[in-house]
Amino acid sequence: MGIFRGVTAAIADPHLGWAAPCAYHMICMRHFASNFMTRFKDKVLKNLVCRAALASTERKFKKHMNTIGRINSEALQWLEAVPFQLWALSHDGGRRYGLMTTNISEVFNSVLKGARSLPITTLVQLIFFRLNSYFVARREVGANRLASTERFTPYVDAHIQGRVVKAGSMEIVLYDHVKGLFHVKSRRGRTHRVNLHEKNCTCGKTLIYGFPCSHIISACQHRCVDFRSFVEGYYTTKSYYDTWAPLFHPIFNEDDWPLYDGTVIVPPASMQRFASGRPN
């Protein structure tokens, strides 16, 4: 609970930069569903909660929520007590880029693998050297992609290529050439409205993921518009490279360190621990 209160306090402090519009608080779907399961102990309802969380449109979201309500009205009330924008993809305004779990941050735990029991100085050194190797490897990948004139990251390239294939089999009707207003019909018979001027589609996926859905790509191809302009800037190879561009500098031998004459920090005696393991 102490860690939770500390995190909450850090997020709430406006001077630390963890508040909107610099950062937004979201709930991990896996933990949210786990808490729901603990409360209601129903796998069918849990699966419906996950479907509602992953729905790309409000229509689909409402459909799953209505089904939950018909099965268990108390479960629906429990879900409605939590703001939808915190856990539902269809309500988050594209702020989580389709990432519904904390896996992207927890993967950093691999940097600390095997290091938790080390003395503090050794632990800091290990983190330093592992982070350096982490940055060096990714900086090199970014530099190579820049040199090869690859415009976007492999993740986006793969998804866009798949969507280009899908776009080729769609039926499209133009309504307004100035606004770029279309309706696009997929092979499954589902019709979506596309507005190229506003860069949106009723499927919701372009807003959620930050790169064009197959319907927008189809409309762009119809009007000879470069659909790559619909990809958000943070997916570019340049952004990838800039992320890993900061350099770590070699650490000199301790004998060569300059003398420190700053404030001496003395830990309070009440915080001293004599027993091993986590504090209660």
Protein backbone atom coordinates (compact mmCIF):
# COMPACT_ATOMS: atom_id res chain seq x y z
CA MET A 1 0.00 0.00 0.00
CA GLY A 2 2.91 2.35 0.68
CA ILE A 3 4.21 1.92 -2.88
CA PHE A 4 0.71 2.49 -4.28
CA ARG A 5 0.29 5.71 -2.29
CA GLY A 6 3.70 6.89 -3.47
CA VAL A 7 2.84 6.27 -7.12
CA THR A 8 -0.53 7.98 -6.72
CA ALA A 9 1.12 11.00 -5.10
CA ALA A 10 3.72 11.21 -7.89
CA ILE A 11 1.02 11.13 -10.57
CA ALA A 12 -1.03 13.78 -8.77
CA ASP A 13 1.88 16.22 -8.38
CA PRO A 14 1.53 18.76 -11.26
CA HIS A 15 5.22 19.67 -11.06
CA LEU A 16 6.45 16.18 -11.98
CA GLY A 17 4.93 16.08 -15.47
CA TRP A 18 2.74 13.00 -14.93
CA ALA A 19 -0.53 14.85 -15.52
CA ALA A 20 -2.48 15.67 -18.69
CA PRO A 21 -1.62 16.66 -21.34
CA CYS A 22 1.89 15.23 -20.78
CA ALA A 23 0.65 11.91 -19.41
CA TYR A 24 -2.66 10.12 -18.87
CA HIS A 25 -3.64 7.54 -16.29
CA MET A 26 -4.90 4.26 -17.78
CA ILE A 27 -5.80 0.89 -16.28
CA CYS A 28 -4.13 -2.36 -17.36
CA MET A 29 -6.80 -4.59 -18.88
CA ARG A 30 -5.25 -7.78 -17.50
CA HIS A 31 -5.26 -6.50 -13.92
CA PHE A 32 -8.71 -4.95 -14.37
CA ALA A 33 -10.14 -8.27 -15.61
CA SER A 34 -8.35 -10.12 -12.80
CA ASN A 35 -9.94 -7.85 -10.18
CA PHE A 36 -13.31 -8.34 -11.86
CA MET A 37 -12.83 -12.12 -11.77
CA THR A 38 -11.93 -12.00 -8.08
CA ARG A 39 -15.14 -10.11 -7.39
CA PHE A 40 -17.60 -12.07 -9.58
CA LYS A 41 -15.86 -15.41 -10.28
CA ASP A 42 -17.42 -15.85 -13.74
CA LYS A 43 -15.17 -16.64 -16.74
CA VAL A 44 -17.92 -15.82 -19.26
CA LEU A 45 -18.34 -12.35 -17.78
CA LYS A 46 -14.57 -11.88 -17.61
CA ASN A 47 -14.25 -12.66 -21.33
CA LEU A 48 -17.03 -10.17 -22.08
CA VAL A 49 -15.19 -7.52 -20.05
CA CYS A 50 -12.05 -8.11 -22.14
CA ARG A 51 -14.09 -7.86 -25.35
CA ALA A 52 -15.64 -4.61 -24.17
CA ALA A 53 -12.21 -3.23 -23.25
CA LEU A 54 -10.77 -4.15 -26.67
CA ALA A 55 -13.73 -2.93 -28.75
CA SER A 56 -12.62 -0.33 -31.31
CA THR A 57 -16.00 1.45 -31.49
CA GLU A 58 -18.53 2.60 -28.93
CA ARG A 59 -21.21 0.55 -30.71
CA LYS A 60 -19.30 -2.67 -30.08
CA PHE A 61 -18.49 -1.57 -26.54
CA LYS A 62 -22.18 -0.95 -25.74
CA LYS A 63 -23.11 -4.30 -27.23
CA HIS A 64 -20.80 -6.18 -24.87
CA MET A 65 -21.79 -4.04 -21.88
CA ASN A 66 -25.49 -4.72 -22.54
CA THR A 67 -24.77 -8.44 -22.65
CA ILE A 68 -22.97 -8.20 -19.30
CA GLY A 69 -25.93 -6.30 -17.86
CA ARG A 70 -28.40 -8.96 -18.97
CA ILE A 71 -26.32 -11.68 -17.30
CA ASN A 72 -25.43 -9.82 -14.10
CA SER A 73 -26.67 -6.30 -13.35
CA GLU A 74 -24.33 -5.96 -10.36
CA ALA A 75 -21.33 -6.67 -12.60
CA LEU A 76 -22.47 -3.94 -14.98
CA GLN A 77 -22.75 -1.48 -12.10
CA TRP A 78 -19.24 -2.42 -10.96
CA LEU A 79 -17.87 -1.68 -14.43
CA GLU A 80 -19.81 1.56 -14.82
CA ALA A 81 -18.31 2.84 -11.56
CA VAL A 82 -14.90 2.97 -13.27
CA PRO A 83 -14.56 5.75 -15.91
CA PHE A 84 -14.66 4.12 -19.33
CA GLN A 85 -11.74 6.17 -20.65
CA LEU A 86 -9.46 4.46 -18.13
CA TRP A 87 -10.03 0.90 -19.36
CA ALA A 88 -11.94 0.88 -22.66
CA LEU A 89 -10.09 1.33 -25.96
CA SER A 90 -13.13 2.90 -27.61
CA HIS A 91 -13.21 5.74 -25.07
CA ASP A 92 -9.53 6.62 -24.56
CA GLY A 93 -9.15 9.03 -27.48
CA GLY A 94 -6.19 7.12 -28.92
CA ARG A 95 -3.97 7.96 -25.94
CA ARG A 96 -2.76 4.43 -25.26
CA TYR A 97 -1.94 3.52 -28.89
CA GLY A 98 -3.80 0.24 -28.57
CA LEU A 99 -1.65 -0.95 -25.65
CA MET A 100 -4.05 -2.51 -23.16
CA THR A 101 -1.63 -4.03 -20.64
CA THR A 102 1.47 -2.98 -18.75
CA ASN A 103 3.63 -5.53 -20.62
CA ILE A 104 5.46 -2.76 -22.48
CA SER A 105 6.82 -1.41 -19.17
CA GLU A 106 7.15 -4.73 -17.35
CA VAL A 107 9.43 -6.02 -20.11
CA PHE A 108 12.04 -3.73 -18.56
CA ASN A 109 12.22 -6.23 -15.71
CA SER A 110 14.50 -8.28 -17.96
CA VAL A 111 17.12 -5.59 -17.44
CA LEU A 112 17.05 -6.40 -13.72
CA LYS A 113 17.02 -10.17 -14.14
CA GLY A 114 19.35 -11.77 -11.62
CA ALA A 115 20.23 -8.43 -10.04
CA ARG A 116 17.72 -8.03 -7.22
CA SER A 117 19.86 -9.63 -4.51
CA LEU A 118 23.02 -7.67 -5.29
CA PRO A 119 24.46 -4.95 -3.03
CA ILE A 120 23.16 -1.50 -3.93
CA THR A 121 26.37 -0.22 -5.56
CA THR A 122 26.74 -3.36 -7.67
CA LEU A 123 23.05 -3.18 -8.55
CA VAL A 124 23.38 0.40 -9.83
CA GLN A 125 26.44 -0.53 -11.87
CA LEU A 126 24.67 -3.52 -13.41
CA ILE A 127 21.66 -1.41 -14.37
CA PHE A 128 23.97 1.19 -15.89
CA PHE A 129 25.86 -1.29 -18.08
CA ARG A 130 22.76 -3.21 -19.14
CA LEU A 131 20.96 -0.01 -20.08
CA ASN A 132 23.96 1.09 -22.09
CA SER A 133 23.96 -2.15 -24.09
CA TYR A 134 20.18 -1.81 -24.50
CA PHE A 135 20.56 1.69 -25.98
CA VAL A 136 23.58 0.82 -28.13
CA ALA A 137 21.82 -2.10 -29.84
CA ARG A 138 18.65 -0.13 -30.59
CA ARG A 139 20.54 2.99 -31.63
CA GLU A 140 22.37 0.88 -34.19
CA VAL A 141 19.10 -0.57 -35.51
CA GLY A 142 17.68 2.96 -35.85
CA ALA A 143 20.80 4.23 -37.62
CA ASN A 144 20.70 1.32 -40.09
CA ARG A 145 17.03 1.94 -40.88
CA LEU A 146 17.70 5.64 -41.38
CA ALA A 147 20.56 4.82 -43.75
CA SER A 148 18.29 2.48 -45.72
CA THR A 149 15.64 5.26 -45.98
CA GLU A 150 13.05 3.13 -44.19
CA ARG A 151 10.38 5.66 -43.23
CA PHE A 152 8.61 3.78 -40.44
CA THR A 153 9.33 1.18 -37.78
CA PRO A 154 9.02 -2.53 -38.70
CA TYR A 155 5.90 -2.78 -36.53
CA VAL A 156 4.01 -0.19 -38.58
CA ASP A 157 5.41 -1.36 -41.91
CA ALA A 158 4.09 -4.87 -41.32
CA HIS A 159 0.64 -3.68 -40.28
CA ILE A 160 0.33 -1.22 -43.16
CA GLN A 161 1.34 -3.84 -45.72
CA GLY A 162 -1.41 -6.11 -44.42
CA ARG A 163 -3.95 -3.31 -44.59
CA VAL A 164 -2.92 -2.37 -48.13
CA VAL A 165 -3.77 -5.91 -49.20
CA LYS A 166 -7.18 -5.69 -47.53
CA ALA A 167 -7.85 -2.25 -49.06
CA GLY A 168 -7.49 -3.66 -52.57
CA SER A 169 -10.67 -5.76 -52.24
CA MET A 170 -12.99 -3.04 -50.92
CA GLU A 171 -15.85 -1.24 -52.66
CA ILE A 172 -15.69 2.53 -52.40
CA VAL A 173 -18.10 5.37 -53.19
CA LEU A 174 -17.06 9.06 -53.21
CA TYR A 175 -19.52 11.60 -51.75
CA ASP A 176 -17.45 14.79 -51.42
CA HIS A 177 -14.13 15.24 -53.21
CA VAL A 178 -13.31 18.42 -51.22
CA LYS A 179 -13.66 16.85 -47.77
CA GLY A 180 -12.66 13.43 -49.03
CA LEU A 181 -15.91 11.88 -47.81
CA PHE A 182 -16.45 8.23 -48.74
CA HIS A 183 -18.23 5.14 -47.69
CA VAL A 184 -16.16 2.00 -47.95
CA LYS A 185 -17.55 -1.53 -47.98
CA SER A 186 -15.44 -4.49 -46.94
CA ARG A 187 -15.66 -8.03 -48.32
CA ARG A 188 -17.69 -8.99 -45.26
CA GLY A 189 -20.31 -6.43 -46.22
CA ARG A 190 -19.59 -3.97 -43.39
CA THR A 191 -19.72 -0.31 -44.47
CA HIS A 192 -17.68 2.47 -42.86
CA ARG A 193 -17.63 6.23 -43.40
CA VAL A 194 -14.26 7.79 -44.17
CA ASN A 195 -13.38 11.48 -43.96
CA LEU A 196 -9.88 12.11 -45.33
CA HIS A 197 -10.00 15.80 -44.41
CA GLU A 198 -10.52 14.96 -40.72
CA LYS A 199 -8.38 11.80 -40.94
CA ASN A 200 -10.98 9.56 -39.39
CA CYS A 201 -13.01 6.43 -40.08
CA THR A 202 -16.02 5.06 -38.22
CA CYS A 203 -14.13 1.80 -37.55
CA GLY A 204 -12.12 3.80 -34.97
CA LYS A 205 -8.83 2.03 -35.62
CA THR A 206 -6.94 4.98 -37.14
CA LEU A 207 -7.51 7.08 -34.02
CA ILE A 208 -6.73 4.19 -31.68
CA TYR A 209 -3.51 2.95 -33.29
CA GLY A 210 -2.13 6.08 -34.92
CA PHE A 211 -1.79 4.71 -38.46
CA PRO A 212 -4.41 4.33 -41.23
CA CYS A 213 -6.98 1.57 -41.29
CA SER A 214 -7.64 -0.37 -44.49
CA HIS A 215 -10.72 1.79 -45.22
CA ILE A 216 -8.70 5.02 -45.19
CA ILE A 217 -5.98 3.39 -47.28
CA SER A 218 -8.63 2.35 -49.82
CA ALA A 219 -9.98 5.91 -49.96
CA CYS A 220 -6.46 7.33 -50.33
CA GLN A 221 -5.73 4.99 -53.21
CA HIS A 222 -8.98 6.05 -54.88
CA ARG A 223 -7.95 9.73 -54.70
CA CYS A 224 -4.21 9.14 -55.32
CA VAL A 225 -3.41 10.47 -51.83
CA ASP A 226 -0.30 9.30 -49.98
CA PHE A 227 -1.73 7.33 -47.04
CA ARG A 228 1.62 7.51 -45.26
CA SER A 229 0.71 11.07 -44.23
CA PHE A 230 -1.88 9.51 -41.92
CA VAL A 231 0.80 7.76 -39.84
CA GLU A 232 1.58 9.53 -36.56
CA GLY A 233 5.08 10.97 -36.26
CA TYR A 234 6.08 8.81 -33.31
CA TYR A 235 6.10 5.74 -35.60
CA THR A 236 8.78 7.15 -37.89
CA THR A 237 12.29 5.74 -38.03
CA LYS A 238 13.60 9.18 -37.03
CA SER A 239 11.52 9.11 -33.82
CA TYR A 240 12.73 5.59 -33.09
CA TYR A 241 16.34 6.65 -33.55
CA ASP A 242 15.89 9.80 -31.44
CA THR A 243 14.46 7.69 -28.61
CA TRP A 244 17.68 5.68 -28.33
CA ALA A 245 20.09 8.47 -29.35
CA PRO A 246 21.15 9.64 -25.84
CA LEU A 247 24.61 8.37 -24.96
CA PHE A 248 25.97 6.81 -21.80
CA HIS A 249 29.52 7.85 -20.93
CA PRO A 250 32.27 5.58 -19.58
CA ILE A 251 32.74 5.51 -15.82
CA PHE A 252 36.23 6.41 -14.62
CA ASN A 253 38.03 4.51 -11.89
CA GLU A 254 36.91 5.64 -8.46
CA ASP A 255 40.43 6.96 -7.77
CA ASP A 256 39.94 9.47 -10.62
CA TRP A 257 36.63 10.84 -9.38
CA PRO A 258 36.61 14.52 -8.35
CA LEU A 259 36.24 15.19 -4.64
CA TYR A 260 32.67 15.69 -3.48
CA ASP A 261 32.02 18.69 -1.27
CA GLY A 262 28.24 18.85 -1.42
CA THR A 263 25.55 18.08 1.12
CA VAL A 264 26.05 14.90 3.13
CA ILE A 265 22.82 12.93 3.32
CA VAL A 266 22.39 10.94 6.52
CA PRO A 267 19.56 8.40 6.48
CA PRO A 268 17.24 8.53 9.52
CA ALA A 269 17.94 5.86 12.10
CA SER A 270 14.26 4.92 12.16
CA MET A 271 14.53 3.70 8.56
CA GLN A 272 17.44 1.34 9.27
CA ARG A 273 16.60 -2.30 8.64
CA PHE A 274 18.19 -5.24 10.38
CA ALA A 275 16.05 -8.06 9.01
CA SER A 276 16.17 -9.42 5.47
CA GLY A 277 13.21 -9.48 3.12
CA ARG A 278 10.57 -6.89 2.32
CA PRO A 279 9.31 -4.60 5.12
CA ASN A 280 5.77 -5.19 6.35
